Amino acid sequence: MNLNLPPGKLYYSIGEVAEAMEVSPSLLRFWEKEFEVVKPKRNKRGNRFYTPADIESLKLIHQLLRERGFTLAGARQRLKKHKSLSTIELISKLEAIKAELTNIKNEIPT
């Protein structure tokens, strides 16, 4: 999932993240309550600000729930099982590379 967020920022608002992920802000707030890995910073007014690490966690949650069809409990269990998000990110990238290589292989005449 490629997000169109401005690069180089330390914090992103809930509106920016929701728009980039094409989900509603209420869904992000719900995921914040359901998953311990998402802990956005809050200012004095209570507005949420997401770090790039939070956004990576949200992308992973989105992938597990929406693309792979996990239940909330299943996604929670998967996240606890793989505490290192980099491992899951690596698997995701390798699957994308495999798909691309398969496409290239299919285009080569035999």
Protein backbone atom coordinates (compact mmCIF):
# COMPACT_ATOMS: atom_id res chain seq x y z
CA MET A 1 0.00 0.00 0.00
CA ASN A 2 1.57 3.24 -1.13
CA LEU A 3 0.45 6.28 0.79
CA ASN A 4 0.56 9.78 -0.63
CA LEU A 5 1.82 11.49 2.51
CA PRO A 6 4.23 14.43 2.39
CA PRO A 7 7.72 13.05 3.06
CA GLY A 8 9.94 14.31 5.83
CA LYS A 9 7.27 15.12 8.38
CA LEU A 10 7.60 13.81 11.92
CA TYR A 11 3.84 13.78 12.62
CA TYR A 12 0.73 13.45 10.49
CA SER A 13 -2.81 14.38 11.47
CA ILE A 14 -5.56 11.79 11.61
CA GLY A 15 -7.19 13.42 8.59
CA GLU A 16 -4.03 13.13 6.50
CA VAL A 17 -3.55 9.48 7.41
CA ALA A 18 -7.21 8.59 6.89
CA GLU A 19 -7.25 10.24 3.47
CA ALA A 20 -3.99 8.57 2.41
CA MET A 21 -5.21 5.13 3.54
CA GLU A 22 -8.68 5.74 2.07
CA VAL A 23 -10.44 4.91 5.35
CA SER A 24 -12.48 7.02 7.74
CA PRO A 25 -10.91 8.72 10.78
CA SER A 26 -13.35 6.81 12.99
CA LEU A 27 -11.88 3.52 11.74
CA LEU A 28 -8.38 4.72 12.71
CA ARG A 29 -9.66 5.63 16.17
CA PHE A 30 -11.27 2.19 16.45
CA TRP A 31 -8.05 0.44 15.44
CA GLU A 32 -6.21 2.54 18.02
CA LYS A 33 -8.44 1.07 20.73
CA GLU A 34 -8.21 -2.49 19.39
CA PHE A 35 -4.47 -2.73 18.71
CA GLU A 36 -1.76 -1.86 21.23
CA VAL A 37 0.86 -1.15 18.57
CA VAL A 38 -0.89 2.05 17.48
CA LYS A 39 -0.18 4.83 19.98
CA PRO A 40 -0.52 8.24 18.33
CA LYS A 41 0.77 11.28 20.14
CA ARG A 42 -1.79 13.80 21.36
CA ASN A 43 -1.48 17.52 21.81
CA LYS A 44 -3.07 19.55 24.60
CA ARG A 45 -6.34 19.72 22.70
CA GLY A 46 -6.43 15.94 22.34
CA ASN A 47 -5.78 15.87 18.58
CA ARG A 48 -4.03 12.73 17.39
CA PHE A 49 -0.74 12.92 15.53
CA TYR A 50 0.69 9.79 13.95
CA THR A 51 4.40 9.07 13.62
CA PRO A 52 5.77 7.17 10.60
CA ALA A 53 6.07 4.10 12.86
CA ASP A 54 2.35 4.38 13.73
CA ILE A 55 1.55 4.63 10.03
CA GLU A 56 3.55 1.47 9.29
CA SER A 57 1.58 -0.33 12.00
CA LEU A 58 -1.69 0.93 10.53
CA LYS A 59 -0.66 -0.24 7.07
CA LEU A 60 0.05 -3.68 8.50
CA ILE A 61 -3.30 -3.77 10.32
CA HIS A 62 -5.06 -2.68 7.12
CA GLN A 63 -3.29 -5.42 5.18
CA LEU A 64 -4.21 -8.10 7.72
CA LEU A 65 -7.86 -7.07 8.08
CA ARG A 66 -8.83 -5.84 4.63
CA GLU A 67 -6.54 -7.62 2.20
CA ARG A 68 -5.93 -10.95 3.94
CA GLY A 69 -9.34 -11.24 5.62
CA PHE A 70 -8.19 -11.71 9.22
CA THR A 71 -10.65 -11.14 12.06
CA LEU A 72 -9.78 -8.59 14.74
CA ALA A 73 -8.78 -11.38 17.12
CA GLY A 74 -6.73 -13.10 14.43
CA ALA A 75 -4.92 -9.88 13.51
CA ARG A 76 -4.24 -9.17 17.19
CA GLN A 77 -2.81 -12.65 17.62
CA ARG A 78 -0.69 -12.32 14.47
CA LEU A 79 0.72 -9.00 15.69
CA LYS A 80 1.61 -10.51 19.07
CA LYS A 81 3.16 -13.53 17.39
CA HIS A 82 5.29 -11.31 15.17
CA LYS A 83 6.30 -8.51 17.48
CA SER A 84 8.87 -7.37 14.98
CA LEU A 85 6.92 -5.48 12.34
CA SER A 86 9.97 -5.49 10.11
CA THR A 87 9.59 -9.27 9.64
CA ILE A 88 6.01 -8.89 8.45
CA GLU A 89 6.95 -5.93 6.26
CA LEU A 90 9.75 -8.00 4.74
CA ILE A 91 7.32 -10.83 3.96
CA SER A 92 4.94 -8.36 2.34
CA LYS A 93 7.71 -6.91 0.16
CA LEU A 94 8.94 -10.37 -0.82
CA GLU A 95 5.42 -11.38 -1.86
CA ALA A 96 5.22 -8.27 -4.06
CA ILE A 97 8.58 -9.10 -5.63
CA LYS A 98 7.47 -12.69 -6.24
CA ALA A 99 4.31 -11.47 -7.97
CA GLU A 100 6.33 -9.11 -10.17
CA LEU A 101 8.80 -11.85 -11.10
CA THR A 102 5.91 -14.17 -11.94
CA ASN A 103 4.48 -11.50 -14.25
CA ILE A 104 7.85 -11.09 -15.95
CA LYS A 105 8.21 -14.86 -16.34
CA ASN A 106 4.76 -15.08 -17.94
CA GLU A 107 5.67 -12.36 -20.46
CA ILE A 108 8.80 -14.18 -21.68
CA PRO A 109 8.04 -16.19 -24.80
CA THR A 110 8.87 -19.89 -24.54
